[in-house]
Amino acid sequence: MNTSVKASTITFDDNSMFVSLSDGRLLGVPLAWFPRLLHATPEQRLRYTISTRGLHWEDLDEDISIDGLLAGVGDLTHRHAAAA
């Protein structure tokens, strides 16, 4: 776990989310990895909070860890449901 790297800003285009990290990296991931964000309105996507551990969208009930993004992990909601 790389807890020293934090998100500083988040931006979107029609297909991707871009997370600027505190160490200067810019991480781009497809919105298809996160169906809640993919199907959200642009206004909903912009209502996020950044914590020391990751990203949160209260309205969408979406939480994304920075460690997960760095590891290339998308939405785990359906994977957990399928394993249960």
PDB file of N, CA and C in Angstrom:
ATOM      1  N   MET A   1       0.844  -1.173   0.000  1.00  0.00           N
ATOM      2  CA  MET A   1       0.000   0.000   0.000  1.00  0.00           C
ATOM      3  C   MET A   1       0.891   1.239   0.000  1.00  0.00           C
ATOM      4  N   ASN A   2       0.614   2.170  -0.904  1.00  0.00           N
ATOM      5  CA  ASN A   2       1.398   3.383  -1.040  1.00  0.00           C
ATOM      6  C   ASN A   2       0.626   4.556  -0.452  1.00  0.00           C
ATOM      7  N   THR A   3       0.632   4.684   0.867  1.00  0.00           N
ATOM      8  CA  THR A   3      -0.193   5.691   1.531  1.00  0.00           C
ATOM      9  C   THR A   3       0.379   7.093   1.426  1.00  0.00           C
ATOM     10  N   SER A   4       1.610   7.249   0.910  1.00  0.00           N
ATOM     11  CA  SER A   4       2.189   8.582   0.804  1.00  0.00           C
ATOM     12  C   SER A   4       1.670   9.341  -0.413  1.00  0.00           C
ATOM     13  N   VAL A   5       1.100   8.656  -1.380  1.00  0.00           N
ATOM     14  CA  VAL A   5       0.574   9.306  -2.583  1.00  0.00           C
ATOM     15  C   VAL A   5      -0.902   9.606  -2.378  1.00  0.00           C
ATOM     16  N   LYS A   6      -1.261  10.857  -2.603  1.00  0.00           N
ATOM     17  CA  LYS A   6      -2.647  11.302  -2.439  1.00  0.00           C
ATOM     18  C   LYS A   6      -3.141  11.910  -3.742  1.00  0.00           C
ATOM     19  N   ALA A   7      -4.445  11.929  -3.916  1.00  0.00           N
ATOM     20  CA  ALA A   7      -5.050  12.633  -5.047  1.00  0.00           C
ATOM     21  C   ALA A   7      -5.098  14.116  -4.717  1.00  0.00           C
ATOM     22  N   SER A   8      -4.875  14.950  -5.738  1.00  0.00           N
ATOM     23  CA  SER A   8      -5.001  16.388  -5.518  1.00  0.00           C
ATOM     24  C   SER A   8      -6.173  16.970  -6.298  1.00  0.00           C
ATOM     25  N   THR A   9      -6.399  16.504  -7.521  1.00  0.00           N
ATOM     26  CA  THR A   9      -7.556  16.945  -8.311  1.00  0.00           C
ATOM     27  C   THR A   9      -8.061  15.797  -9.166  1.00  0.00           C
ATOM     28  N   ILE A  10      -9.315  15.924  -9.595  1.00  0.00           N
ATOM     29  CA  ILE A  10      -9.928  14.939 -10.485  1.00  0.00           C
ATOM     30  C   ILE A  10     -10.601  15.702 -11.616  1.00  0.00           C
ATOM     31  N   THR A  11     -10.394  15.238 -12.845  1.00  0.00           N
ATOM     32  CA  THR A  11     -11.091  15.794 -14.000  1.00  0.00           C
ATOM     33  C   THR A  11     -11.629  14.640 -14.832  1.00  0.00           C
ATOM     34  N   PHE A  12     -12.547  14.964 -15.726  1.00  0.00           N
ATOM     35  CA  PHE A  12     -13.201  13.956 -16.555  1.00  0.00           C
ATOM     36  C   PHE A  12     -13.287  14.431 -17.993  1.00  0.00           C
ATOM     37  N   ASP A  13     -13.283  13.472 -18.916  1.00  0.00           N
ATOM     38  CA  ASP A  13     -13.788  13.729 -20.256  1.00  0.00           C
ATOM     39  C   ASP A  13     -14.942  12.751 -20.455  1.00  0.00           C
ATOM     40  N   ASP A  14     -15.431  12.578 -21.654  1.00  0.00           N
ATOM     41  CA  ASP A  14     -16.600  11.726 -21.870  1.00  0.00           C
ATOM     42  C   ASP A  14     -16.362  10.265 -21.515  1.00  0.00           C
ATOM     43  N   ASN A  15     -15.113   9.810 -21.593  1.00  0.00           N
ATOM     44  CA  ASN A  15     -14.827   8.388 -21.418  1.00  0.00           C
ATOM     45  C   ASN A  15     -13.857   8.049 -20.299  1.00  0.00           C
ATOM     46  N   SER A  16     -13.234   9.052 -19.696  1.00  0.00           N
ATOM     47  CA  SER A  16     -12.152   8.780 -18.749  1.00  0.00           C
ATOM     48  C   SER A  16     -12.205   9.691 -17.532  1.00  0.00           C
ATOM     49  N   MET A  17     -11.548   9.213 -16.476  1.00  0.00           N
ATOM     50  CA  MET A  17     -11.316  10.006 -15.274  1.00  0.00           C
ATOM     51  C   MET A  17      -9.807  10.184 -15.151  1.00  0.00           C
ATOM     52  N   PHE A  18      -9.385  11.404 -14.826  1.00  0.00           N
ATOM     53  CA  PHE A  18      -7.971  11.722 -14.677  1.00  0.00           C
ATOM     54  C   PHE A  18      -7.739  12.205 -13.249  1.00  0.00           C
ATOM     55  N   VAL A  19      -6.835  11.533 -12.567  1.00  0.00           N
ATOM     56  CA  VAL A  19      -6.542  11.861 -11.175  1.00  0.00           C
ATOM     57  C   VAL A  19      -5.108  12.378 -11.103  1.00  0.00           C
ATOM     58  N   SER A  20      -4.961  13.629 -10.675  1.00  0.00           N
ATOM     59  CA  SER A  20      -3.635  14.200 -10.436  1.00  0.00           C
ATOM     60  C   SER A  20      -3.194  13.771  -9.049  1.00  0.00           C
ATOM     61  N   LEU A  21      -1.990  13.223  -8.974  1.00  0.00           N
ATOM     62  CA  LEU A  21      -1.471  12.713  -7.710  1.00  0.00           C
ATOM     63  C   LEU A  21      -0.453  13.674  -7.109  1.00  0.00           C
ATOM     64  N   SER A  22      -0.288  13.578  -5.806  1.00  0.00           N
ATOM     65  CA  SER A  22       0.593  14.489  -5.077  1.00  0.00           C
ATOM     66  C   SER A  22       2.058  14.364  -5.484  1.00  0.00           C
ATOM     67  N   ASP A  23       2.436  13.258  -6.118  1.00  0.00           N
ATOM     68  CA  ASP A  23       3.825  13.089  -6.555  1.00  0.00           C
ATOM     69  C   ASP A  23       4.044  13.550  -7.995  1.00  0.00           C
ATOM     70  N   GLY A  24       3.024  14.188  -8.599  1.00  0.00           N
ATOM     71  CA  GLY A  24       3.167  14.735  -9.945  1.00  0.00           C
ATOM     72  C   GLY A  24       2.630  13.858 -11.060  1.00  0.00           C
ATOM     73  N   ARG A  25       2.294  12.626 -10.763  1.00  0.00           N
ATOM     74  CA  ARG A  25       1.738  11.755 -11.804  1.00  0.00           C
ATOM     75  C   ARG A  25       0.301  12.136 -12.115  1.00  0.00           C
ATOM     76  N   LEU A  26      -0.096  11.878 -13.359  1.00  0.00           N
ATOM     77  CA  LEU A  26      -1.486  12.020 -13.783  1.00  0.00           C
ATOM     78  C   LEU A  26      -1.949  10.638 -14.213  1.00  0.00           C
ATOM     79  N   LEU A  27      -2.935  10.121 -13.521  1.00  0.00           N
ATOM     80  CA  LEU A  27      -3.436   8.774 -13.770  1.00  0.00           C
ATOM     81  C   LEU A  27      -4.767   8.863 -14.500  1.00  0.00           C
ATOM     82  N   GLY A  28      -4.857   8.265 -15.669  1.00  0.00           N
ATOM     83  CA  GLY A  28      -6.105   8.228 -16.428  1.00  0.00           C
ATOM     84  C   GLY A  28      -6.657   6.814 -16.454  1.00  0.00           C
ATOM     85  N   VAL A  29      -7.949   6.684 -16.153  1.00  0.00           N
ATOM     86  CA  VAL A  29      -8.603   5.377 -16.178  1.00  0.00           C
ATOM     87  C   VAL A  29      -9.931   5.500 -16.914  1.00  0.00           C
ATOM     88  N   PRO A  30     -10.358   4.433 -17.586  1.00  0.00           N
ATOM     89  CA  PRO A  30     -11.644   4.488 -18.290  1.00  0.00           C
ATOM     90  C   PRO A  30     -12.817   4.523 -17.314  1.00  0.00           C
ATOM     91  N   LEU A  31     -13.814   5.331 -17.623  1.00  0.00           N
ATOM     92  CA  LEU A  31     -15.022   5.359 -16.798  1.00  0.00           C
ATOM     93  C   LEU A  31     -15.733   4.013 -16.809  1.00  0.00           C
ATOM     94  N   ALA A  32     -15.512   3.207 -17.834  1.00  0.00           N
ATOM     95  CA  ALA A  32     -16.124   1.875 -17.901  1.00  0.00           C
ATOM     96  C   ALA A  32     -15.705   1.009 -16.713  1.00  0.00           C
ATOM     97  N   TRP A  33     -14.591   1.319 -16.076  1.00  0.00           N
ATOM     98  CA  TRP A  33     -14.170   0.584 -14.882  1.00  0.00           C
ATOM     99  C   TRP A  33     -15.095   0.850 -13.711  1.00  0.00           C
ATOM    100  N   PHE A  34     -15.805   1.967 -13.749  1.00  0.00           N
ATOM    101  CA  PHE A  34     -16.652   2.393 -12.628  1.00  0.00           C
ATOM    102  C   PHE A  34     -18.033   2.758 -13.157  1.00  0.00           C
ATOM    103  N   PRO A  35     -18.921   1.782 -13.309  1.00  0.00           N
ATOM    104  CA  PRO A  35     -20.234   2.023 -13.916  1.00  0.00           C
ATOM    105  C   PRO A  35     -21.028   3.157 -13.275  1.00  0.00           C
ATOM    106  N   ARG A  36     -20.913   3.335 -11.975  1.00  0.00           N
ATOM    107  CA  ARG A  36     -21.657   4.435 -11.335  1.00  0.00           C
ATOM    108  C   ARG A  36     -21.197   5.786 -11.873  1.00  0.00           C
ATOM    109  N   LEU A  37     -19.901   5.939 -12.076  1.00  0.00           N
ATOM    110  CA  LEU A  37     -19.391   7.187 -12.645  1.00  0.00           C
ATOM    111  C   LEU A  37     -19.715   7.286 -14.131  1.00  0.00           C
ATOM    112  N   LEU A  38     -19.635   6.176 -14.828  1.00  0.00           N
ATOM    113  CA  LEU A  38     -19.942   6.162 -16.258  1.00  0.00           C
ATOM    114  C   LEU A  38     -21.361   6.643 -16.523  1.00  0.00           C
ATOM    115  N   HIS A  39     -22.298   6.220 -15.704  1.00  0.00           N
ATOM    116  CA  HIS A  39     -23.712   6.552 -15.913  1.00  0.00           C
ATOM    117  C   HIS A  39     -24.154   7.806 -15.166  1.00  0.00           C
ATOM    118  N   ALA A  40     -23.255   8.424 -14.433  1.00  0.00           N
ATOM    119  CA  ALA A  40     -23.581   9.650 -13.694  1.00  0.00           C
ATOM    120  C   ALA A  40     -23.596  10.849 -14.635  1.00  0.00           C
ATOM    121  N   THR A  41     -24.281  11.883 -14.212  1.00  0.00           N
ATOM    122  CA  THR A  41     -24.251  13.140 -14.967  1.00  0.00           C
ATOM    123  C   THR A  41     -22.902  13.823 -14.712  1.00  0.00           C
ATOM    124  N   PRO A  42     -22.508  14.731 -15.593  1.00  0.00           N
ATOM    125  CA  PRO A  42     -21.269  15.477 -15.339  1.00  0.00           C
ATOM    126  C   PRO A  42     -21.296  16.205 -13.990  1.00  0.00           C
ATOM    127  N   GLU A  43     -22.445  16.715 -13.611  1.00  0.00           N
ATOM    128  CA  GLU A  43     -22.567  17.410 -12.326  1.00  0.00           C
ATOM    129  C   GLU A  43     -22.349  16.448 -11.157  1.00  0.00           C
ATOM    130  N   GLN A  44     -22.901  15.235 -11.252  1.00  0.00           N
ATOM    131  CA  GLN A  44     -22.709  14.242 -10.190  1.00  0.00           C
ATOM    132  C   GLN A  44     -21.239  13.845 -10.077  1.00  0.00           C
ATOM    133  N   ARG A  45     -20.570  13.695 -11.204  1.00  0.00           N
ATOM    134  CA  ARG A  45     -19.151  13.321 -11.181  1.00  0.00           C
ATOM    135  C   ARG A  45     -18.312  14.365 -10.463  1.00  0.00           C
ATOM    136  N   LEU A  46     -18.692  15.622 -10.583  1.00  0.00           N
ATOM    137  CA  LEU A  46     -17.904  16.698  -9.984  1.00  0.00           C
ATOM    138  C   LEU A  46     -18.170  16.893  -8.496  1.00  0.00           C
ATOM    139  N   ARG A  47     -19.164  16.201  -7.951  1.00  0.00           N
ATOM    140  CA  ARG A  47     -19.462  16.307  -6.514  1.00  0.00           C
ATOM    141  C   ARG A  47     -18.724  15.196  -5.754  1.00  0.00           C
ATOM    142  N   TYR A  48     -17.413  15.308  -5.703  1.00  0.00           N
ATOM    143  CA  TYR A  48     -16.571  14.315  -5.038  1.00  0.00           C
ATOM    144  C   TYR A  48     -15.840  14.952  -3.870  1.00  0.00           C
ATOM    145  N   THR A  49     -15.340  14.104  -3.006  1.00  0.00           N
ATOM    146  CA  THR A  49     -14.421  14.543  -1.957  1.00  0.00           C
ATOM    147  C   THR A  49     -13.174  13.675  -2.036  1.00  0.00           C
ATOM    148  N   ILE A  50     -12.062  14.275  -1.665  1.00  0.00           N
ATOM    149  CA  ILE A  50     -10.786  13.569  -1.631  1.00  0.00           C
ATOM    150  C   ILE A  50     -10.384  13.414  -0.174  1.00  0.00           C
ATOM    151  N   SER A  51     -10.064  12.187   0.204  1.00  0.00           N
ATOM    152  CA  SER A  51      -9.582  11.925   1.562  1.00  0.00           C
ATOM    153  C   SER A  51      -8.150  11.416   1.478  1.00  0.00           C
ATOM    154  N   THR A  52      -7.579  11.113   2.615  1.00  0.00           N
ATOM    155  CA  THR A  52      -6.212  10.583   2.624  1.00  0.00           C
ATOM    156  C   THR A  52      -6.128   9.204   1.985  1.00  0.00           C
ATOM    157  N   ARG A  53      -7.250   8.503   1.912  1.00  0.00           N
ATOM    158  CA  ARG A  53      -7.244   7.139   1.369  1.00  0.00           C
ATOM    159  C   ARG A  53      -7.794   7.032  -0.037  1.00  0.00           C
ATOM    160  N   GLY A  54      -8.535   8.043  -0.507  1.00  0.00           N
ATOM    161  CA  GLY A  54      -9.085   7.902  -1.843  1.00  0.00           C
ATOM    162  C   GLY A  54     -10.112   8.946  -2.202  1.00  0.00           C
ATOM    163  N   LEU A  55     -11.029   8.525  -3.051  1.00  0.00           N
ATOM    164  CA  LEU A  55     -12.034   9.399  -3.648  1.00  0.00           C
ATOM    165  C   LEU A  55     -13.418   8.913  -3.247  1.00  0.00           C
ATOM    166  N   HIS A  56     -14.334   9.860  -3.037  1.00  0.00           N
ATOM    167  CA  HIS A  56     -15.679   9.488  -2.597  1.00  0.00           C
ATOM    168  C   HIS A  56     -16.719  10.365  -3.279  1.00  0.00           C
ATOM    169  N   TRP A  57     -17.794   9.710  -3.746  1.00  0.00           N
ATOM    170  CA  TRP A  57     -18.963  10.378  -4.321  1.00  0.00           C
ATOM    171  C   TRP A  57     -20.161   9.978  -3.474  1.00  0.00           C
ATOM    172  N   GLU A  58     -20.565  10.860  -2.583  1.00  0.00           N
ATOM    173  CA  GLU A  58     -21.679  10.589  -1.668  1.00  0.00           C
ATOM    174  C   GLU A  58     -22.955  10.275  -2.435  1.00  0.00           C
ATOM    175  N   ASP A  59     -23.313  11.111  -3.413  1.00  0.00           N
ATOM    176  CA  ASP A  59     -24.558  10.932  -4.172  1.00  0.00           C
ATOM    177  C   ASP A  59     -24.606   9.608  -4.922  1.00  0.00           C
ATOM    178  N   LEU A  60     -23.438   9.107  -5.321  1.00  0.00           N
ATOM    179  CA  LEU A  60     -23.367   7.891  -6.134  1.00  0.00           C
ATOM    180  C   LEU A  60     -23.021   6.652  -5.314  1.00  0.00           C
ATOM    181  N   ASP A  61     -22.733   6.827  -4.026  1.00  0.00           N
ATOM    182  CA  ASP A  61     -22.294   5.727  -3.166  1.00  0.00           C
ATOM    183  C   ASP A  61     -21.085   5.023  -3.783  1.00  0.00           C
ATOM    184  N   GLU A  62     -20.107   5.822  -4.202  1.00  0.00           N
ATOM    185  CA  GLU A  62     -18.905   5.302  -4.861  1.00  0.00           C
ATOM    186  C   GLU A  62     -17.673   5.708  -4.070  1.00  0.00           C
ATOM    187  N   ASP A  63     -16.814   4.741  -3.796  1.00  0.00           N
ATOM    188  CA  ASP A  63     -15.532   4.972  -3.140  1.00  0.00           C
ATOM    189  C   ASP A  63     -14.447   4.297  -3.963  1.00  0.00           C
ATOM    190  N   ILE A  64     -13.378   5.028  -4.229  1.00  0.00           N
ATOM    191  CA  ILE A  64     -12.275   4.496  -5.022  1.00  0.00           C
ATOM    192  C   ILE A  64     -10.982   4.791  -4.272  1.00  0.00           C
ATOM    193  N   SER A  65     -10.206   3.757  -4.027  1.00  0.00           N
ATOM    194  CA  SER A  65      -8.933   3.967  -3.331  1.00  0.00           C
ATOM    195  C   SER A  65      -7.843   4.320  -4.340  1.00  0.00           C
ATOM    196  N   ILE A  66      -6.915   5.138  -3.906  1.00  0.00           N
ATOM    197  CA  ILE A  66      -5.774   5.478  -4.753  1.00  0.00           C
ATOM    198  C   ILE A  66      -4.927   4.230  -4.984  1.00  0.00           C
ATOM    199  N   ASP A  67      -4.745   3.420  -3.956  1.00  0.00           N
ATOM    200  CA  ASP A  67      -3.982   2.180  -4.118  1.00  0.00           C
ATOM    201  C   ASP A  67      -4.617   1.282  -5.174  1.00  0.00           C
ATOM    202  N   GLY A  68      -5.947   1.195  -5.173  1.00  0.00           N
ATOM    203  CA  GLY A  68      -6.638   0.395  -6.179  1.00  0.00           C
ATOM    204  C   GLY A  68      -6.428   0.933  -7.579  1.00  0.00           C
ATOM    205  N   LEU A  69      -6.505   2.249  -7.733  1.00  0.00           N
ATOM    206  CA  LEU A  69      -6.259   2.850  -9.046  1.00  0.00           C
ATOM    207  C   LEU A  69      -4.842   2.562  -9.521  1.00  0.00           C
ATOM    208  N   LEU A  70      -3.877   2.719  -8.630  1.00  0.00           N
ATOM    209  CA  LEU A  70      -2.484   2.459  -9.003  1.00  0.00           C
ATOM    210  C   LEU A  70      -2.255   0.995  -9.363  1.00  0.00           C
ATOM    211  N   ALA A  71      -3.042   0.102  -8.770  1.00  0.00           N
ATOM    212  CA  ALA A  71      -2.926  -1.332  -9.066  1.00  0.00           C
ATOM    213  C   ALA A  71      -3.735  -1.736 -10.299  1.00  0.00           C
ATOM    214  N   GLY A  72      -4.496  -0.785 -10.864  1.00  0.00           N
ATOM    215  CA  GLY A  72      -5.297  -1.093 -12.044  1.00  0.00           C
ATOM    216  C   GLY A  72      -6.587  -1.815 -11.732  1.00  0.00           C
ATOM    217  N   VAL A  73      -7.116  -1.611 -10.523  1.00  0.00           N
ATOM    218  CA  VAL A  73      -8.341  -2.289 -10.097  1.00  0.00           C
ATOM    219  C   VAL A  73      -9.536  -1.376 -10.344  1.00  0.00           C
ATOM    220  N   GLY A  74     -10.542  -1.897 -11.028  1.00  0.00           N
ATOM    221  CA  GLY A  74     -11.775  -1.157 -11.259  1.00  0.00           C
ATOM    222  C   GLY A  74     -12.799  -1.446 -10.179  1.00  0.00           C
ATOM    223  N   ASP A  75     -14.063  -1.272 -10.514  1.00  0.00           N
ATOM    224  CA  ASP A  75     -15.183  -1.477  -9.588  1.00  0.00           C
ATOM    225  C   ASP A  75     -15.232  -2.935  -9.143  1.00  0.00           C
ATOM    226  N   LEU A  76     -15.212  -3.151  -7.836  1.00  0.00           N
ATOM    227  CA  LEU A  76     -15.259  -4.509  -7.286  1.00  0.00           C
ATOM    228  C   LEU A  76     -16.646  -4.911  -6.816  1.00  0.00           C
ATOM    229  N   THR A  77     -17.631  -4.036  -6.961  1.00  0.00           N
ATOM    230  CA  THR A  77     -18.976  -4.303  -6.451  1.00  0.00           C
ATOM    231  C   THR A  77     -19.528  -5.615  -6.976  1.00  0.00           C
ATOM    232  N   HIS A  78     -19.502  -5.802  -8.282  1.00  0.00           N
ATOM    233  CA  HIS A  78     -20.085  -7.009  -8.873  1.00  0.00           C
ATOM    234  C   HIS A  78     -19.221  -8.238  -8.622  1.00  0.00           C
ATOM    235  N   ARG A  79     -17.926  -8.059  -8.485  1.00  0.00           N
ATOM    236  CA  ARG A  79     -17.050  -9.194  -8.191  1.00  0.00           C
ATOM    237  C   ARG A  79     -17.341  -9.750  -6.810  1.00  0.00           C
ATOM    238  N   HIS A  80     -17.562  -8.858  -5.835  1.00  0.00           N
ATOM    239  CA  HIS A  80     -17.890  -9.318  -4.479  1.00  0.00           C
ATOM    240  C   HIS A  80     -19.257 -10.004  -4.457  1.00  0.00           C
ATOM    241  N   ALA A  81     -20.217  -9.468  -5.176  1.00  0.00           N
ATOM    242  CA  ALA A  81     -21.559 -10.057  -5.211  1.00  0.00           C
ATOM    243  C   ALA A  81     -21.521 -11.434  -5.861  1.00  0.00           C
ATOM    244  N   ALA A  82     -20.717 -11.591  -6.912  1.00  0.00           N
ATOM    245  CA  ALA A  82     -20.631 -12.872  -7.603  1.00  0.00           C
ATOM    246  C   ALA A  82     -19.942 -13.925  -6.741  1.00  0.00           C
ATOM    247  N   ALA A  83     -19.011 -13.486  -5.894  1.00  0.00           N
ATOM    248  CA  ALA A  83     -18.289 -14.428  -5.042  1.00  0.00           C
ATOM    249  C   ALA A  83     -19.125 -14.883  -3.854  1.00  0.00           C
ATOM    250  N   ALA A  84     -20.129 -14.121  -3.497  1.00  0.00           N
ATOM    251  CA  ALA A  84     -20.943 -14.441  -2.313  1.00  0.00           C
ATOM    252  C   ALA A  84     -21.899 -15.580  -2.548  1.00  0.00           C
TER     253      ALA A  84
END
